[in-house]
Amino acid sequence: MAQKSSLIYSFVARGTVILVELTDFKSHLTSIAAHYLQKLPSSDNKLTYICDGHTFSYLVENGFTYCVVAVDSDGWQIRMAFLERVKEDFNKRYGGGKAATAQANSLNKEFGSILKEHMQYCMDHPDEISKLAKMNAQQSEVKDAMIKAINEILSRGTACTFGCSSEQEVFMRPRRRKMRFQDMEMKVIVLAIIIALILIITLSVCGGFNSGK
């Protein structure tokens, strides 16, 4: 059974402006979380800090920062899953619109309760979160392996074009056309394999469960 993580505070910010936070939790930890926000790089990233016996995790993407504070340093899968869920939900509701111009804490009433719902869900379903993390990792491994295989196929297909004389060039043209066609066929086959493997992994790991809200 996956270890449960105790999440206690969260916010979403645009740059250094906090747009929404869990207002029912107030302590010196909120000040620490805001302090780290000022120091985060502007580029997309995932960062974690440990301070005063608590873990502060940040997901920075497209100018927005998603933060969660936990009472322990374990359960990183729970923290990351929570941040991804919040990011997806927040973008679905506000992406490209209201969030771009919202004032500080102006979304507390609309989205504050949503933060708490996602937090509670992730803490109540650690095994499901662990399965999803495993599935995503396996999908990434399959994708990386297939991309490597495609690159090797393409490199073999172009190797013969170097060092040819003009006479050899004329001779090699039809051969290269045939090889390009074969490369295209191979890429289609590899792509089909990728899709099939991802589907197999998804069905085997998830077991058909519904991730819920």
N, C-alpha and C. Protein backbone atom coordinates (compact mmCIF):
# COMPACT_ATOMS: atom_id res chain seq x y z
N MET A 1 0.84 -1.19 0.00
CA MET A 1 0.00 0.00 0.00
C MET A 1 0.87 1.24 0.00
N ALA A 2 0.52 2.24 -0.84
CA ALA A 2 1.31 3.45 -0.95
C ALA A 2 1.21 4.26 0.33
N GLN A 3 2.30 4.97 0.64
CA GLN A 3 2.32 5.76 1.86
C GLN A 3 1.48 7.01 1.69
N LYS A 4 0.73 7.36 2.71
CA LYS A 4 -0.11 8.52 2.68
C LYS A 4 0.72 9.76 3.00
N SER A 5 0.44 10.85 2.32
CA SER A 5 1.15 12.10 2.57
C SER A 5 0.16 13.13 3.10
N SER A 6 0.59 13.93 4.07
CA SER A 6 -0.29 14.92 4.68
C SER A 6 -0.05 16.28 4.03
N LEU A 7 -0.94 16.66 3.12
CA LEU A 7 -0.87 17.96 2.45
C LEU A 7 -1.67 18.96 3.28
N ILE A 8 -1.11 20.15 3.49
CA ILE A 8 -1.78 21.08 4.40
C ILE A 8 -2.04 22.46 3.80
N TYR A 9 -1.32 22.83 2.74
CA TYR A 9 -1.48 24.18 2.20
C TYR A 9 -1.14 24.18 0.72
N SER A 10 -1.80 25.07 -0.02
CA SER A 10 -1.55 25.14 -1.47
C SER A 10 -1.93 26.52 -1.99
N PHE A 11 -1.30 26.91 -3.09
CA PHE A 11 -1.71 28.12 -3.79
C PHE A 11 -1.37 28.02 -5.28
N VAL A 12 -1.98 28.90 -6.07
CA VAL A 12 -1.66 29.06 -7.49
C VAL A 12 -1.30 30.53 -7.70
N ALA A 13 -0.19 30.76 -8.39
CA ALA A 13 0.28 32.13 -8.59
C ALA A 13 0.58 32.39 -10.07
N ARG A 14 0.41 33.65 -10.46
CA ARG A 14 0.87 34.11 -11.77
C ARG A 14 2.10 34.96 -11.52
N GLY A 15 3.26 34.44 -11.95
CA GLY A 15 4.50 35.13 -11.58
C GLY A 15 4.67 35.03 -10.07
N THR A 16 4.74 36.19 -9.41
CA THR A 16 4.85 36.21 -7.95
C THR A 16 3.55 36.65 -7.29
N VAL A 17 2.47 36.76 -8.05
CA VAL A 17 1.17 37.18 -7.52
C VAL A 17 0.32 35.94 -7.22
N ILE A 18 0.02 35.71 -5.96
CA ILE A 18 -0.81 34.56 -5.58
C ILE A 18 -2.27 34.87 -5.90
N LEU A 19 -2.86 34.07 -6.79
CA LEU A 19 -4.23 34.29 -7.25
C LEU A 19 -5.25 33.58 -6.37
N VAL A 20 -4.88 32.42 -5.85
CA VAL A 20 -5.79 31.65 -5.01
C VAL A 20 -4.97 30.82 -4.03
N GLU A 21 -5.46 30.70 -2.79
CA GLU A 21 -4.78 29.89 -1.79
C GLU A 21 -5.82 29.32 -0.83
N LEU A 22 -5.37 28.35 -0.04
CA LEU A 22 -6.25 27.78 0.98
C LEU A 22 -6.29 28.74 2.17
N THR A 23 -7.32 29.53 2.25
CA THR A 23 -7.40 30.57 3.27
C THR A 23 -7.72 30.02 4.66
N ASP A 24 -8.15 28.75 4.74
CA ASP A 24 -8.46 28.19 6.05
C ASP A 24 -7.21 27.69 6.77
N PHE A 25 -6.04 27.84 6.13
CA PHE A 25 -4.78 27.46 6.77
C PHE A 25 -3.87 28.68 6.80
N LYS A 26 -3.61 29.19 7.99
CA LYS A 26 -2.74 30.34 8.15
C LYS A 26 -1.69 30.05 9.22
N SER A 27 -0.43 30.16 8.86
CA SER A 27 0.67 30.01 9.81
C SER A 27 1.91 30.62 9.19
N HIS A 28 3.03 30.50 9.86
CA HIS A 28 4.28 31.02 9.32
C HIS A 28 4.68 30.26 8.04
N LEU A 29 4.11 29.06 7.83
CA LEU A 29 4.44 28.28 6.64
C LEU A 29 3.96 28.97 5.36
N THR A 30 2.86 29.70 5.44
CA THR A 30 2.37 30.41 4.25
C THR A 30 3.38 31.49 3.85
N SER A 31 3.99 32.12 4.84
CA SER A 31 5.01 33.14 4.54
C SER A 31 6.25 32.51 3.92
N ILE A 32 6.62 31.32 4.42
CA ILE A 32 7.78 30.62 3.84
C ILE A 32 7.50 30.24 2.39
N ALA A 33 6.28 29.72 2.14
CA ALA A 33 5.92 29.33 0.77
C ALA A 33 5.96 30.53 -0.16
N ALA A 34 5.46 31.68 0.30
CA ALA A 34 5.49 32.90 -0.51
C ALA A 34 6.93 33.38 -0.71
N HIS A 35 7.77 33.19 0.30
CA HIS A 35 9.17 33.60 0.20
C HIS A 35 9.89 32.81 -0.89
N TYR A 36 9.69 31.48 -0.91
CA TYR A 36 10.31 30.66 -1.95
C TYR A 36 9.78 31.04 -3.34
N LEU A 37 8.50 31.43 -3.41
CA LEU A 37 7.90 31.83 -4.69
C LEU A 37 8.68 32.97 -5.33
N GLN A 38 9.15 33.91 -4.51
CA GLN A 38 9.89 35.05 -5.03
C GLN A 38 11.23 34.64 -5.64
N LYS A 39 11.75 33.48 -5.24
CA LYS A 39 13.08 33.05 -5.67
C LYS A 39 13.06 32.01 -6.79
N LEU A 40 11.86 31.57 -7.20
CA LEU A 40 11.78 30.53 -8.22
C LEU A 40 12.22 31.05 -9.59
N PRO A 41 12.84 30.19 -10.41
CA PRO A 41 13.18 30.58 -11.79
C PRO A 41 11.91 30.75 -12.61
N SER A 42 11.97 31.61 -13.62
CA SER A 42 10.78 31.85 -14.45
C SER A 42 10.53 30.74 -15.45
N SER A 43 11.57 29.94 -15.73
CA SER A 43 11.43 28.86 -16.69
C SER A 43 10.64 27.70 -16.10
N ASP A 44 10.02 26.88 -16.97
CA ASP A 44 9.24 25.72 -16.51
C ASP A 44 10.15 24.79 -15.71
N ASN A 45 9.63 24.34 -14.57
CA ASN A 45 10.47 23.52 -13.71
C ASN A 45 9.64 22.88 -12.61
N LYS A 46 10.25 21.92 -11.91
CA LYS A 46 9.68 21.33 -10.71
C LYS A 46 10.74 21.42 -9.62
N LEU A 47 10.38 22.04 -8.49
CA LEU A 47 11.35 22.23 -7.43
C LEU A 47 10.73 21.88 -6.08
N THR A 48 11.60 21.42 -5.17
CA THR A 48 11.16 21.08 -3.82
C THR A 48 12.15 21.63 -2.81
N TYR A 49 11.63 22.26 -1.76
CA TYR A 49 12.45 22.78 -0.67
C TYR A 49 11.97 22.14 0.63
N ILE A 50 12.89 21.95 1.56
CA ILE A 50 12.54 21.44 2.88
C ILE A 50 12.94 22.49 3.91
N CYS A 51 11.98 22.90 4.71
CA CYS A 51 12.24 23.94 5.71
C CYS A 51 11.32 23.74 6.91
N ASP A 52 11.87 23.88 8.10
CA ASP A 52 11.09 23.82 9.34
C ASP A 52 10.27 22.52 9.43
N GLY A 53 10.85 21.41 8.96
CA GLY A 53 10.19 20.13 9.05
C GLY A 53 9.07 19.91 8.06
N HIS A 54 8.93 20.78 7.05
CA HIS A 54 7.89 20.67 6.04
C HIS A 54 8.51 20.70 4.64
N THR A 55 7.77 20.14 3.68
CA THR A 55 8.23 20.08 2.30
C THR A 55 7.40 21.04 1.44
N PHE A 56 8.09 21.90 0.70
CA PHE A 56 7.44 22.88 -0.17
C PHE A 56 7.74 22.50 -1.62
N SER A 57 6.72 22.07 -2.35
CA SER A 57 6.90 21.61 -3.73
C SER A 57 6.24 22.59 -4.69
N TYR A 58 6.93 22.86 -5.81
CA TYR A 58 6.47 23.84 -6.78
C TYR A 58 6.51 23.25 -8.19
N LEU A 59 5.48 23.55 -8.95
CA LEU A 59 5.43 23.21 -10.37
C LEU A 59 5.26 24.53 -11.12
N VAL A 60 6.27 24.90 -11.92
CA VAL A 60 6.25 26.14 -12.67
C VAL A 60 6.03 25.82 -14.14
N GLU A 61 5.00 26.41 -14.74
CA GLU A 61 4.70 26.13 -16.15
C GLU A 61 3.94 27.29 -16.77
N ASN A 62 4.45 27.77 -17.89
CA ASN A 62 3.80 28.83 -18.68
C ASN A 62 3.48 30.08 -17.86
N GLY A 63 4.39 30.45 -16.97
CA GLY A 63 4.22 31.68 -16.21
C GLY A 63 3.40 31.53 -14.95
N PHE A 64 2.88 30.33 -14.67
CA PHE A 64 2.08 30.09 -13.47
C PHE A 64 2.82 29.10 -12.56
N THR A 65 2.62 29.28 -11.27
CA THR A 65 3.27 28.41 -10.28
C THR A 65 2.21 27.75 -9.40
N TYR A 66 2.33 26.45 -9.24
CA TYR A 66 1.42 25.66 -8.41
C TYR A 66 2.24 25.12 -7.24
N CYS A 67 1.76 25.40 -6.03
CA CYS A 67 2.53 25.05 -4.83
C CYS A 67 1.71 24.18 -3.89
N VAL A 68 2.39 23.26 -3.21
CA VAL A 68 1.75 22.48 -2.16
C VAL A 68 2.77 22.29 -1.03
N VAL A 69 2.28 22.36 0.20
CA VAL A 69 3.11 22.16 1.39
C VAL A 69 2.65 20.89 2.10
N ALA A 70 3.61 20.05 2.46
CA ALA A 70 3.32 18.78 3.15
C ALA A 70 4.09 18.73 4.46
N VAL A 71 3.58 17.95 5.40
CA VAL A 71 4.22 17.87 6.72
C VAL A 71 5.36 16.87 6.75
N ASP A 72 5.62 16.18 5.64
CA ASP A 72 6.72 15.22 5.59
C ASP A 72 7.42 15.32 4.25
N SER A 73 8.56 14.67 4.15
CA SER A 73 9.34 14.69 2.91
C SER A 73 9.07 13.47 2.04
N ASP A 74 8.27 12.52 2.53
CA ASP A 74 7.91 11.34 1.74
C ASP A 74 6.69 11.67 0.88
N GLY A 75 6.26 10.70 0.11
CA GLY A 75 5.04 10.86 -0.67
C GLY A 75 5.16 11.86 -1.81
N TRP A 76 6.32 11.89 -2.49
CA TRP A 76 6.50 12.84 -3.59
C TRP A 76 5.52 12.58 -4.72
N GLN A 77 5.12 11.32 -4.93
CA GLN A 77 4.15 11.02 -5.98
C GLN A 77 2.81 11.69 -5.69
N ILE A 78 2.41 11.71 -4.42
CA ILE A 78 1.16 12.36 -4.03
C ILE A 78 1.25 13.86 -4.30
N ARG A 79 2.36 14.46 -3.92
CA ARG A 79 2.52 15.90 -4.12
C ARG A 79 2.50 16.26 -5.60
N MET A 80 3.25 15.52 -6.40
CA MET A 80 3.30 15.83 -7.83
C MET A 80 1.96 15.57 -8.51
N ALA A 81 1.29 14.51 -8.09
CA ALA A 81 -0.03 14.21 -8.67
C ALA A 81 -1.01 15.33 -8.33
N PHE A 82 -0.95 15.82 -7.10
CA PHE A 82 -1.82 16.92 -6.70
C PHE A 82 -1.56 18.16 -7.56
N LEU A 83 -0.29 18.52 -7.73
CA LEU A 83 0.05 19.70 -8.51
C LEU A 83 -0.40 19.56 -9.96
N GLU A 84 -0.25 18.37 -10.53
CA GLU A 84 -0.68 18.15 -11.92
C GLU A 84 -2.20 18.26 -12.04
N ARG A 85 -2.92 17.72 -11.07
CA ARG A 85 -4.38 17.80 -11.08
C ARG A 85 -4.84 19.26 -10.97
N VAL A 86 -4.22 20.00 -10.07
CA VAL A 86 -4.58 21.42 -9.90
C VAL A 86 -4.28 22.20 -11.17
N LYS A 87 -3.11 21.94 -11.76
CA LYS A 87 -2.73 22.65 -12.99
C LYS A 87 -3.74 22.40 -14.11
N GLU A 88 -4.10 21.13 -14.29
CA GLU A 88 -5.04 20.77 -15.35
C GLU A 88 -6.41 21.43 -15.13
N ASP A 89 -6.90 21.37 -13.89
CA ASP A 89 -8.20 21.95 -13.57
C ASP A 89 -8.17 23.47 -13.70
N PHE A 90 -7.11 24.09 -13.20
CA PHE A 90 -6.98 25.55 -13.25
C PHE A 90 -6.93 26.04 -14.69
N ASN A 91 -6.14 25.37 -15.54
CA ASN A 91 -6.04 25.75 -16.95
C ASN A 91 -7.36 25.56 -17.68
N LYS A 92 -8.08 24.50 -17.32
CA LYS A 92 -9.37 24.24 -17.95
C LYS A 92 -10.37 25.36 -17.65
N ARG A 93 -10.30 25.89 -16.43
CA ARG A 93 -11.25 26.92 -16.01
C ARG A 93 -10.82 28.33 -16.43
N TYR A 94 -9.51 28.59 -16.34
CA TYR A 94 -9.06 29.98 -16.50
C TYR A 94 -8.01 30.18 -17.59
N GLY A 95 -7.52 29.11 -18.19
CA GLY A 95 -6.42 29.23 -19.15
C GLY A 95 -6.71 30.21 -20.28
N GLY A 96 -5.77 31.14 -20.51
CA GLY A 96 -5.90 32.10 -21.60
C GLY A 96 -6.96 33.16 -21.37
N GLY A 97 -7.50 33.26 -20.14
CA GLY A 97 -8.56 34.23 -19.89
C GLY A 97 -8.38 34.94 -18.58
N LYS A 98 -9.26 34.63 -17.65
CA LYS A 98 -9.34 35.35 -16.38
C LYS A 98 -8.03 35.33 -15.59
N ALA A 99 -7.32 34.22 -15.63
CA ALA A 99 -6.09 34.10 -14.84
C ALA A 99 -5.01 35.07 -15.28
N ALA A 100 -5.07 35.51 -16.53
CA ALA A 100 -4.03 36.40 -17.06
C ALA A 100 -4.12 37.80 -16.48
N THR A 101 -5.28 38.18 -15.96
CA THR A 101 -5.47 39.55 -15.45
C THR A 101 -6.00 39.59 -14.02
N ALA A 102 -6.23 38.44 -13.41
CA ALA A 102 -6.81 38.39 -12.06
C ALA A 102 -5.88 39.05 -11.04
N GLN A 103 -6.50 39.67 -10.05
CA GLN A 103 -5.75 40.32 -8.97
C GLN A 103 -5.39 39.30 -7.89
N ALA A 104 -4.53 39.72 -6.97
CA ALA A 104 -4.09 38.84 -5.88
C ALA A 104 -5.28 38.34 -5.07
N ASN A 105 -5.32 37.04 -4.85
CA ASN A 105 -6.35 36.36 -4.05
C ASN A 105 -7.78 36.55 -4.56
N SER A 106 -7.92 37.03 -5.80
CA SER A 106 -9.27 37.27 -6.33
C SER A 106 -10.00 35.99 -6.71
N LEU A 107 -9.28 34.85 -6.80
CA LEU A 107 -9.92 33.59 -7.18
C LEU A 107 -10.15 32.67 -5.98
N ASN A 108 -9.94 33.20 -4.78
CA ASN A 108 -10.11 32.37 -3.58
C ASN A 108 -11.51 31.78 -3.48
N LYS A 109 -12.52 32.61 -3.71
CA LYS A 109 -13.90 32.16 -3.55
C LYS A 109 -14.26 31.10 -4.59
N GLU A 110 -13.76 31.27 -5.83
CA GLU A 110 -14.11 30.35 -6.91
C GLU A 110 -13.32 29.05 -6.85
N PHE A 111 -12.02 29.16 -6.59
CA PHE A 111 -11.15 28.00 -6.76
C PHE A 111 -10.57 27.47 -5.45
N GLY A 112 -10.74 28.21 -4.36
CA GLY A 112 -10.17 27.76 -3.08
C GLY A 112 -10.71 26.41 -2.65
N SER A 113 -12.02 26.23 -2.79
CA SER A 113 -12.62 24.94 -2.40
C SER A 113 -12.17 23.82 -3.33
N ILE A 114 -11.88 24.16 -4.60
CA ILE A 114 -11.39 23.15 -5.55
C ILE A 114 -10.01 22.66 -5.14
N LEU A 115 -9.16 23.57 -4.67
CA LEU A 115 -7.85 23.18 -4.17
C LEU A 115 -7.99 22.15 -3.04
N LYS A 116 -8.92 22.43 -2.14
CA LYS A 116 -9.10 21.53 -1.00
C LYS A 116 -9.64 20.17 -1.45
N GLU A 117 -10.52 20.16 -2.43
CA GLU A 117 -11.07 18.89 -2.94
C GLU A 117 -9.97 18.04 -3.56
N HIS A 118 -9.12 18.65 -4.39
CA HIS A 118 -8.02 17.89 -5.01
C HIS A 118 -7.06 17.37 -3.94
N MET A 119 -6.80 18.20 -2.94
CA MET A 119 -5.89 17.81 -1.87
C MET A 119 -6.42 16.60 -1.12
N GLN A 120 -7.70 16.64 -0.78
CA GLN A 120 -8.31 15.54 -0.04
C GLN A 120 -8.34 14.26 -0.88
N TYR A 121 -8.63 14.42 -2.17
CA TYR A 121 -8.69 13.25 -3.05
C TYR A 121 -7.33 12.55 -3.12
N CYS A 122 -6.27 13.32 -3.30
CA CYS A 122 -4.94 12.73 -3.42
C CYS A 122 -4.51 12.04 -2.12
N MET A 123 -4.89 12.61 -0.97
CA MET A 123 -4.53 11.98 0.30
C MET A 123 -5.36 10.73 0.56
N ASP A 124 -6.59 10.69 0.04
CA ASP A 124 -7.48 9.55 0.28
C ASP A 124 -7.24 8.39 -0.69
N HIS A 125 -6.52 8.63 -1.79
CA HIS A 125 -6.32 7.59 -2.81
C HIS A 125 -4.84 7.42 -3.16
N PRO A 126 -3.98 7.14 -2.19
CA PRO A 126 -2.55 7.01 -2.47
C PRO A 126 -2.21 5.85 -3.40
N ASP A 127 -2.94 4.74 -3.30
CA ASP A 127 -2.65 3.58 -4.16
C ASP A 127 -2.95 3.90 -5.62
N GLU A 128 -4.06 4.59 -5.85
CA GLU A 128 -4.42 4.97 -7.22
C GLU A 128 -3.39 5.93 -7.80
N ILE A 129 -2.95 6.89 -6.99
CA ILE A 129 -1.94 7.85 -7.43
C ILE A 129 -0.65 7.12 -7.79
N SER A 130 -0.28 6.13 -6.99
CA SER A 130 0.93 5.35 -7.25
C SER A 130 0.83 4.59 -8.57
N LYS A 131 -0.35 4.03 -8.85
CA LYS A 131 -0.55 3.30 -10.11
C LYS A 131 -0.44 4.24 -11.31
N LEU A 132 -1.03 5.41 -11.19
CA LEU A 132 -0.97 6.38 -12.28
C LEU A 132 0.47 6.83 -12.54
N ALA A 133 1.23 7.05 -11.46
CA ALA A 133 2.63 7.45 -11.60
C ALA A 133 3.44 6.35 -12.30
N LYS A 134 3.17 5.09 -11.93
CA LYS A 134 3.85 3.96 -12.55
C LYS A 134 3.51 3.88 -14.04
N MET A 135 2.24 4.08 -14.37
CA MET A 135 1.81 4.04 -15.76
C MET A 135 2.50 5.13 -16.58
N ASN A 136 2.55 6.35 -16.04
CA ASN A 136 3.18 7.46 -16.75
C ASN A 136 4.66 7.20 -16.97
N ALA A 137 5.32 6.62 -15.96
CA ALA A 137 6.75 6.31 -16.09
C ALA A 137 6.98 5.26 -17.18
N GLN A 138 6.13 4.24 -17.22
CA GLN A 138 6.27 3.19 -18.23
C GLN A 138 6.01 3.75 -19.63
N GLN A 139 5.03 4.63 -19.76
CA GLN A 139 4.74 5.24 -21.06
C GLN A 139 5.94 6.07 -21.54
N SER A 140 6.57 6.79 -20.61
CA SER A 140 7.74 7.60 -20.97
C SER A 140 8.89 6.72 -21.43
N GLU A 141 9.08 5.59 -20.75
CA GLU A 141 10.15 4.66 -21.13
C GLU A 141 9.91 4.11 -22.53
N VAL A 142 8.66 3.71 -22.81
CA VAL A 142 8.33 3.17 -24.13
C VAL A 142 8.55 4.24 -25.20
N LYS A 143 8.10 5.44 -24.93
CA LYS A 143 8.25 6.53 -25.90
C LYS A 143 9.72 6.81 -26.19
N ASP A 144 10.55 6.88 -25.12
CA ASP A 144 11.98 7.14 -25.31
C ASP A 144 12.64 6.03 -26.11
N ALA A 145 12.28 4.79 -25.83
CA ALA A 145 12.87 3.65 -26.55
C ALA A 145 12.49 3.68 -28.03
N MET A 146 11.24 4.01 -28.32
CA MET A 146 10.80 4.05 -29.71
C MET A 146 11.44 5.19 -30.47
N ILE A 147 11.59 6.36 -29.82
CA ILE A 147 12.26 7.49 -30.46
C ILE A 147 13.71 7.15 -30.78
N LYS A 148 14.37 6.46 -29.86
CA LYS A 148 15.74 6.04 -30.08
C LYS A 148 15.83 5.08 -31.27
N ALA A 149 14.87 4.16 -31.36
CA ALA A 149 14.85 3.19 -32.46
C ALA A 149 14.64 3.90 -33.80
N ILE A 150 13.74 4.88 -33.83
CA ILE A 150 13.47 5.62 -35.07
C ILE A 150 14.72 6.38 -35.50
N ASN A 151 15.39 7.03 -34.53
CA ASN A 151 16.61 7.78 -34.86
C ASN A 151 17.70 6.87 -35.43
N GLU A 152 17.81 5.66 -34.88
CA GLU A 152 18.80 4.71 -35.39
C GLU A 152 18.47 4.29 -36.82
N ILE A 153 17.18 4.08 -37.09
CA ILE A 153 16.75 3.71 -38.45
C ILE A 153 17.08 4.82 -39.44
N LEU A 154 16.78 6.06 -39.04
CA LEU A 154 17.04 7.20 -39.92
C LEU A 154 18.53 7.40 -40.15
N SER A 155 19.34 7.21 -39.11
CA SER A 155 20.78 7.39 -39.26
C SER A 155 21.37 6.35 -40.20
N ARG A 156 20.85 5.11 -40.15
CA ARG A 156 21.33 4.08 -41.08
C ARG A 156 20.92 4.39 -42.51
N GLY A 157 19.73 5.01 -42.65
CA GLY A 157 19.24 5.31 -43.98
C GLY A 157 20.00 6.41 -44.67
N THR A 158 20.60 7.33 -43.89
CA THR A 158 21.31 8.47 -44.49
C THR A 158 22.82 8.26 -44.54
N ALA A 159 23.32 7.21 -43.90
CA ALA A 159 24.77 7.02 -43.83
C ALA A 159 25.39 6.83 -45.21
N CYS A 160 24.66 6.21 -46.13
CA CYS A 160 25.24 5.89 -47.44
C CYS A 160 25.35 7.12 -48.33
N THR A 161 24.77 8.25 -47.94
CA THR A 161 24.81 9.44 -48.80
C THR A 161 26.13 10.18 -48.69
N PHE A 162 26.97 9.82 -47.72
CA PHE A 162 28.24 10.51 -47.54
C PHE A 162 29.36 9.79 -48.28
N GLY A 163 30.25 10.56 -48.87
CA GLY A 163 31.43 10.01 -49.52
C GLY A 163 31.19 9.41 -50.89
N CYS A 164 30.09 9.73 -51.55
CA CYS A 164 29.80 9.17 -52.88
C CYS A 164 30.36 10.09 -53.97
N SER A 165 30.94 9.50 -55.03
CA SER A 165 31.37 10.27 -56.20
C SER A 165 30.15 10.61 -57.03
N SER A 166 30.30 11.44 -58.07
CA SER A 166 29.17 11.84 -58.91
C SER A 166 28.56 10.63 -59.62
N GLU A 167 29.41 9.66 -60.05
CA GLU A 167 28.88 8.47 -60.69
C GLU A 167 28.10 7.63 -59.69
N GLN A 168 28.68 7.53 -58.52
CA GLN A 168 27.98 6.76 -57.48
C GLN A 168 26.67 7.44 -57.09
N GLU A 169 26.68 8.79 -57.13
CA GLU A 169 25.48 9.54 -56.78
C GLU A 169 24.33 9.18 -57.70
N VAL A 170 24.59 9.12 -59.00
CA VAL A 170 23.55 8.75 -59.97
C VAL A 170 23.05 7.35 -59.70
N PHE A 171 23.97 6.46 -59.37
CA PHE A 171 23.60 5.08 -59.12
C PHE A 171 22.76 4.95 -57.85
N MET A 172 23.09 5.80 -56.84
CA MET A 172 22.46 5.66 -55.54
C MET A 172 21.08 6.31 -55.46
N ARG A 173 20.72 7.20 -56.39
CA ARG A 173 19.44 7.93 -56.29
C ARG A 173 18.23 7.00 -56.16
N PRO A 174 18.06 6.03 -57.10
CA PRO A 174 16.90 5.15 -56.95
C PRO A 174 16.94 4.33 -55.66
N ARG A 175 18.16 3.97 -55.25
CA ARG A 175 18.29 3.19 -54.01
C ARG A 175 17.86 4.03 -52.82
N ARG A 176 18.24 5.32 -52.81
CA ARG A 176 17.85 6.19 -51.70
C ARG A 176 16.35 6.41 -51.66
N ARG A 177 15.74 6.54 -52.85
CA ARG A 177 14.27 6.69 -52.89
C ARG A 177 13.60 5.48 -52.27
N LYS A 178 14.11 4.31 -52.62
CA LYS A 178 13.55 3.08 -52.06
C LYS A 178 13.75 3.03 -50.55
N MET A 179 14.93 3.47 -50.09
CA MET A 179 15.22 3.44 -48.66
C MET A 179 14.35 4.44 -47.91
N ARG A 180 14.09 5.62 -48.52
CA ARG A 180 13.22 6.60 -47.88
C ARG A 180 11.81 6.04 -47.72
N PHE A 181 11.34 5.33 -48.75
CA PHE A 181 10.02 4.72 -48.67
C PHE A 181 9.99 3.67 -47.57
N GLN A 182 11.07 2.86 -47.49
CA GLN A 182 11.14 1.85 -46.45
C GLN A 182 11.19 2.49 -45.06
N ASP A 183 11.95 3.61 -44.95
CA ASP A 183 12.02 4.32 -43.67
C ASP A 183 10.64 4.81 -43.25
N MET A 184 9.87 5.32 -44.22
CA MET A 184 8.54 5.81 -43.91
C MET A 184 7.65 4.67 -43.43
N GLU A 185 7.75 3.54 -44.12
CA GLU A 185 6.98 2.37 -43.70
C GLU A 185 7.36 1.96 -42.28
N MET A 186 8.66 1.97 -42.00
CA MET A 186 9.13 1.57 -40.68
C MET A 186 8.63 2.52 -39.61
N LYS A 187 8.62 3.84 -39.88
CA LYS A 187 8.14 4.80 -38.90
C LYS A 187 6.66 4.59 -38.60
N VAL A 188 5.89 4.27 -39.62
CA VAL A 188 4.46 4.00 -39.41
C VAL A 188 4.28 2.78 -38.51
N ILE A 189 5.09 1.75 -38.78
CA ILE A 189 5.01 0.53 -37.97
C ILE A 189 5.41 0.81 -36.53
N VAL A 190 6.51 1.57 -36.35
CA VAL A 190 6.97 1.89 -35.00
C VAL A 190 5.92 2.71 -34.25
N LEU A 191 5.30 3.67 -34.95
CA LEU A 191 4.26 4.48 -34.32
C LEU A 191 3.08 3.62 -33.87
N ALA A 192 2.70 2.67 -34.71
CA ALA A 192 1.61 1.76 -34.35
C ALA A 192 1.98 0.93 -33.12
N ILE A 193 3.26 0.51 -33.04
CA ILE A 193 3.71 -0.26 -31.88
C ILE A 193 3.65 0.59 -30.62
N ILE A 194 4.08 1.87 -30.73
CA ILE A 194 4.04 2.78 -29.58
C ILE A 194 2.63 2.90 -29.04
N ILE A 195 1.68 3.15 -29.95
CA ILE A 195 0.28 3.32 -29.53
C ILE A 195 -0.24 2.05 -28.88
N ALA A 196 0.08 0.90 -29.47
CA ALA A 196 -0.39 -0.37 -28.92
C ALA A 196 0.19 -0.63 -27.54
N LEU A 197 1.49 -0.35 -27.36
CA LEU A 197 2.13 -0.58 -26.07
C LEU A 197 1.57 0.34 -24.99
N ILE A 198 1.33 1.60 -25.37
CA ILE A 198 0.77 2.54 -24.40
C ILE A 198 -0.62 2.08 -23.95
N LEU A 199 -1.42 1.60 -24.91
CA LEU A 199 -2.75 1.11 -24.57
C LEU A 199 -2.67 -0.10 -23.65
N ILE A 200 -1.74 -1.01 -23.95
CA ILE A 200 -1.58 -2.21 -23.13
C ILE A 200 -1.16 -1.84 -21.72
N ILE A 201 -0.19 -0.91 -21.61
CA ILE A 201 0.29 -0.49 -20.29
C ILE A 201 -0.83 0.18 -19.51
N THR A 202 -1.58 1.04 -20.19
CA THR A 202 -2.68 1.76 -19.53
C THR A 202 -3.70 0.80 -18.97
N LEU A 203 -4.09 -0.18 -19.78
CA LEU A 203 -5.11 -1.14 -19.33
C LEU A 203 -4.60 -2.04 -18.23
N SER A 204 -3.33 -2.45 -18.32
CA SER A 204 -2.79 -3.38 -17.32
C SER A 204 -2.55 -2.70 -15.99
N VAL A 205 -2.09 -1.45 -16.01
CA VAL A 205 -1.78 -0.75 -14.77
C VAL A 205 -3.01 -0.19 -14.11
N CYS A 206 -3.85 0.47 -14.93
CA CYS A 206 -5.06 1.09 -14.37
C CYS A 206 -6.10 0.05 -13.99
N GLY A 207 -6.16 -1.01 -14.73
CA GLY A 207 -7.15 -2.04 -14.44
C GLY A 207 -8.57 -1.54 -14.64
N GLY A 208 -8.69 -0.50 -15.48
CA GLY A 208 -10.01 0.01 -15.77
C GLY A 208 -10.60 0.90 -14.70
N PHE A 209 -9.80 1.27 -13.66
CA PHE A 209 -10.39 2.10 -12.63
C PHE A 209 -10.58 3.53 -13.13
N ASN A 210 -11.48 4.24 -12.51
CA ASN A 210 -11.75 5.63 -12.84
C ASN A 210 -11.02 6.49 -11.83
N SER A 211 -10.20 7.44 -12.31
CA SER A 211 -9.39 8.26 -11.40
C SER A 211 -10.23 9.22 -10.59
N GLY A 212 -11.49 9.39 -10.97
CA GLY A 212 -12.37 10.26 -10.21
C GLY A 212 -12.03 11.69 -10.42
N LYS A 213 -12.57 12.56 -9.53
CA LYS A 213 -12.35 14.00 -9.68
C LYS A 213 -11.00 14.38 -9.11
